[in-house]
Amino acid sequence: MGGYAFFVWGSYAVALIVVLGNIVTPIMQRKKVIKRIKRTIKRESIELSRSNQGQ
């Protein structure tokens, strides 16, 4: 490659890291959002049951 192999393969490595990051990051964020929604639903159901017991 005329002495440029390091830069060519380095560019491939950087591109691969970026592509993998673009795949993994939304998956991780989705899991966090789902956990937060489940926690909110659970908290609201507990609050609702407590308010119904007081009546």
N, C-alpha and C. Protein backbone atom coordinates (compact mmCIF):
# COMPACT_ATOMS: atom_id res chain seq x y z
N MET A 1 0.82 -1.19 0.00
CA MET A 1 0.00 0.00 0.00
C MET A 1 0.87 1.25 0.00
N GLY A 2 2.07 1.10 -0.35
CA GLY A 2 2.94 2.27 -0.48
C GLY A 2 3.27 2.94 0.84
N GLY A 3 3.28 2.20 1.92
CA GLY A 3 3.62 2.78 3.21
C GLY A 3 2.44 3.39 3.96
N TYR A 4 1.26 3.29 3.40
CA TYR A 4 0.09 3.89 4.02
C TYR A 4 -0.82 2.86 4.68
N ALA A 5 -0.37 1.64 4.82
CA ALA A 5 -1.20 0.57 5.36
C ALA A 5 -1.72 0.91 6.76
N PHE A 6 -0.86 1.47 7.58
CA PHE A 6 -1.26 1.82 8.94
C PHE A 6 -2.45 2.77 8.93
N PHE A 7 -2.40 3.79 8.07
CA PHE A 7 -3.47 4.78 8.01
C PHE A 7 -4.75 4.20 7.41
N VAL A 8 -4.59 3.32 6.42
CA VAL A 8 -5.76 2.70 5.79
C VAL A 8 -6.47 1.79 6.79
N TRP A 9 -5.72 0.90 7.42
CA TRP A 9 -6.33 -0.02 8.39
C TRP A 9 -6.81 0.72 9.62
N GLY A 10 -6.11 1.76 9.99
CA GLY A 10 -6.56 2.59 11.11
C GLY A 10 -7.91 3.25 10.81
N SER A 11 -8.06 3.69 9.57
CA SER A 11 -9.33 4.29 9.16
C SER A 11 -10.46 3.26 9.19
N TYR A 12 -10.16 2.05 8.76
CA TYR A 12 -11.17 0.99 8.84
C TYR A 12 -11.55 0.72 10.29
N ALA A 13 -10.58 0.70 11.17
CA ALA A 13 -10.85 0.44 12.58
C ALA A 13 -11.72 1.53 13.19
N VAL A 14 -11.40 2.79 12.89
CA VAL A 14 -12.19 3.90 13.42
C VAL A 14 -13.63 3.83 12.88
N ALA A 15 -13.76 3.55 11.59
CA ALA A 15 -15.10 3.44 10.99
C ALA A 15 -15.89 2.31 11.64
N LEU A 16 -15.25 1.18 11.90
CA LEU A 16 -15.93 0.05 12.55
C LEU A 16 -16.39 0.42 13.95
N ILE A 17 -15.55 1.12 14.68
CA ILE A 17 -15.91 1.54 16.04
C ILE A 17 -17.11 2.47 16.01
N VAL A 18 -17.13 3.40 15.06
CA VAL A 18 -18.26 4.33 14.95
C VAL A 18 -19.54 3.58 14.59
N VAL A 19 -19.46 2.66 13.65
CA VAL A 19 -20.64 1.90 13.25
C VAL A 19 -21.17 1.07 14.43
N LEU A 20 -20.28 0.40 15.13
CA LEU A 20 -20.71 -0.39 16.29
C LEU A 20 -21.31 0.49 17.38
N GLY A 21 -20.73 1.67 17.57
CA GLY A 21 -21.29 2.61 18.54
C GLY A 21 -22.69 3.05 18.16
N ASN A 22 -22.90 3.24 16.86
CA ASN A 22 -24.23 3.64 16.38
C ASN A 22 -25.25 2.52 16.52
N ILE A 23 -24.80 1.31 16.63
CA ILE A 23 -25.71 0.18 16.82
C ILE A 23 -25.97 -0.04 18.31
N VAL A 24 -24.94 0.01 19.12
CA VAL A 24 -25.04 -0.35 20.54
C VAL A 24 -25.70 0.75 21.37
N THR A 25 -25.38 2.01 21.09
CA THR A 25 -25.88 3.11 21.91
C THR A 25 -27.41 3.17 21.96
N PRO A 26 -28.13 3.11 20.84
CA PRO A 26 -29.60 3.14 20.94
C PRO A 26 -30.19 1.95 21.69
N ILE A 27 -29.55 0.80 21.59
CA ILE A 27 -30.03 -0.38 22.31
C ILE A 27 -29.92 -0.15 23.81
N MET A 28 -28.80 0.39 24.24
CA MET A 28 -28.61 0.65 25.67
C MET A 28 -29.57 1.73 26.16
N GLN A 29 -29.78 2.77 25.37
CA GLN A 29 -30.69 3.84 25.77
C GLN A 29 -32.12 3.31 25.85
N ARG A 30 -32.50 2.44 24.94
CA ARG A 30 -33.84 1.86 24.94
C ARG A 30 -34.08 1.07 26.22
N LYS A 31 -33.08 0.29 26.63
CA LYS A 31 -33.21 -0.49 27.87
C LYS A 31 -33.38 0.43 29.07
N LYS A 32 -32.65 1.54 29.11
CA LYS A 32 -32.77 2.48 30.22
C LYS A 32 -34.16 3.10 30.26
N VAL A 33 -34.69 3.46 29.10
CA VAL A 33 -36.01 4.07 29.04
C VAL A 33 -37.07 3.08 29.50
N ILE A 34 -36.96 1.83 29.07
CA ILE A 34 -37.93 0.81 29.48
C ILE A 34 -37.88 0.61 31.00
N LYS A 35 -36.68 0.56 31.58
CA LYS A 35 -36.57 0.42 33.04
C LYS A 35 -37.21 1.59 33.75
N ARG A 36 -36.98 2.81 33.23
CA ARG A 36 -37.54 4.00 33.86
C ARG A 36 -39.06 4.00 33.78
N ILE A 37 -39.61 3.58 32.65
CA ILE A 37 -41.06 3.52 32.50
C ILE A 37 -41.66 2.49 33.45
N LYS A 38 -41.03 1.32 33.54
CA LYS A 38 -41.52 0.29 34.46
C LYS A 38 -41.50 0.78 35.90
N ARG A 39 -40.42 1.47 36.28
CA ARG A 39 -40.30 2.00 37.63
C ARG A 39 -41.40 3.03 37.91
N THR A 40 -41.67 3.88 36.92
CA THR A 40 -42.72 4.89 37.08
C THR A 40 -44.09 4.25 37.21
N ILE A 41 -44.37 3.26 36.39
CA ILE A 41 -45.66 2.56 36.47
C ILE A 41 -45.82 1.90 37.83
N LYS A 42 -44.77 1.26 38.32
CA LYS A 42 -44.83 0.59 39.62
C LYS A 42 -45.08 1.61 40.73
N ARG A 43 -44.36 2.74 40.67
CA ARG A 43 -44.52 3.76 41.70
C ARG A 43 -45.94 4.34 41.68
N GLU A 44 -46.46 4.59 40.48
CA GLU A 44 -47.81 5.14 40.37
C GLU A 44 -48.86 4.14 40.86
N SER A 45 -48.66 2.86 40.60
CA SER A 45 -49.63 1.87 41.06
C SER A 45 -49.60 1.76 42.59
N ILE A 46 -48.42 1.88 43.17
CA ILE A 46 -48.31 1.85 44.65
C ILE A 46 -49.00 3.07 45.23
N GLU A 47 -48.77 4.24 44.65
CA GLU A 47 -49.41 5.46 45.14
C GLU A 47 -50.93 5.37 45.00
N LEU A 48 -51.40 4.79 43.91
CA LEU A 48 -52.84 4.65 43.70
C LEU A 48 -53.45 3.70 44.72
N SER A 49 -52.75 2.60 45.00
CA SER A 49 -53.28 1.65 45.97
C SER A 49 -53.29 2.24 47.37
N ARG A 50 -52.30 3.06 47.70
CA ARG A 50 -52.27 3.72 49.01
C ARG A 50 -53.40 4.73 49.14
N SER A 51 -53.65 5.46 48.07
CA SER A 51 -54.72 6.46 48.14
C SER A 51 -56.10 5.80 48.21
N ASN A 52 -56.24 4.63 47.62
CA ASN A 52 -57.52 3.91 47.69
C ASN A 52 -57.73 3.28 49.06
N GLN A 53 -56.67 2.93 49.75
CA GLN A 53 -56.79 2.34 51.08
C GLN A 53 -57.22 3.38 52.10
N GLY A 54 -56.85 4.61 51.87
CA GLY A 54 -57.18 5.68 52.81
C GLY A 54 -58.63 6.10 52.74
N GLN A 55 -59.37 5.67 51.75
CA GLN A 55 -60.76 6.10 51.60
C GLN A 55 -61.69 5.30 52.43
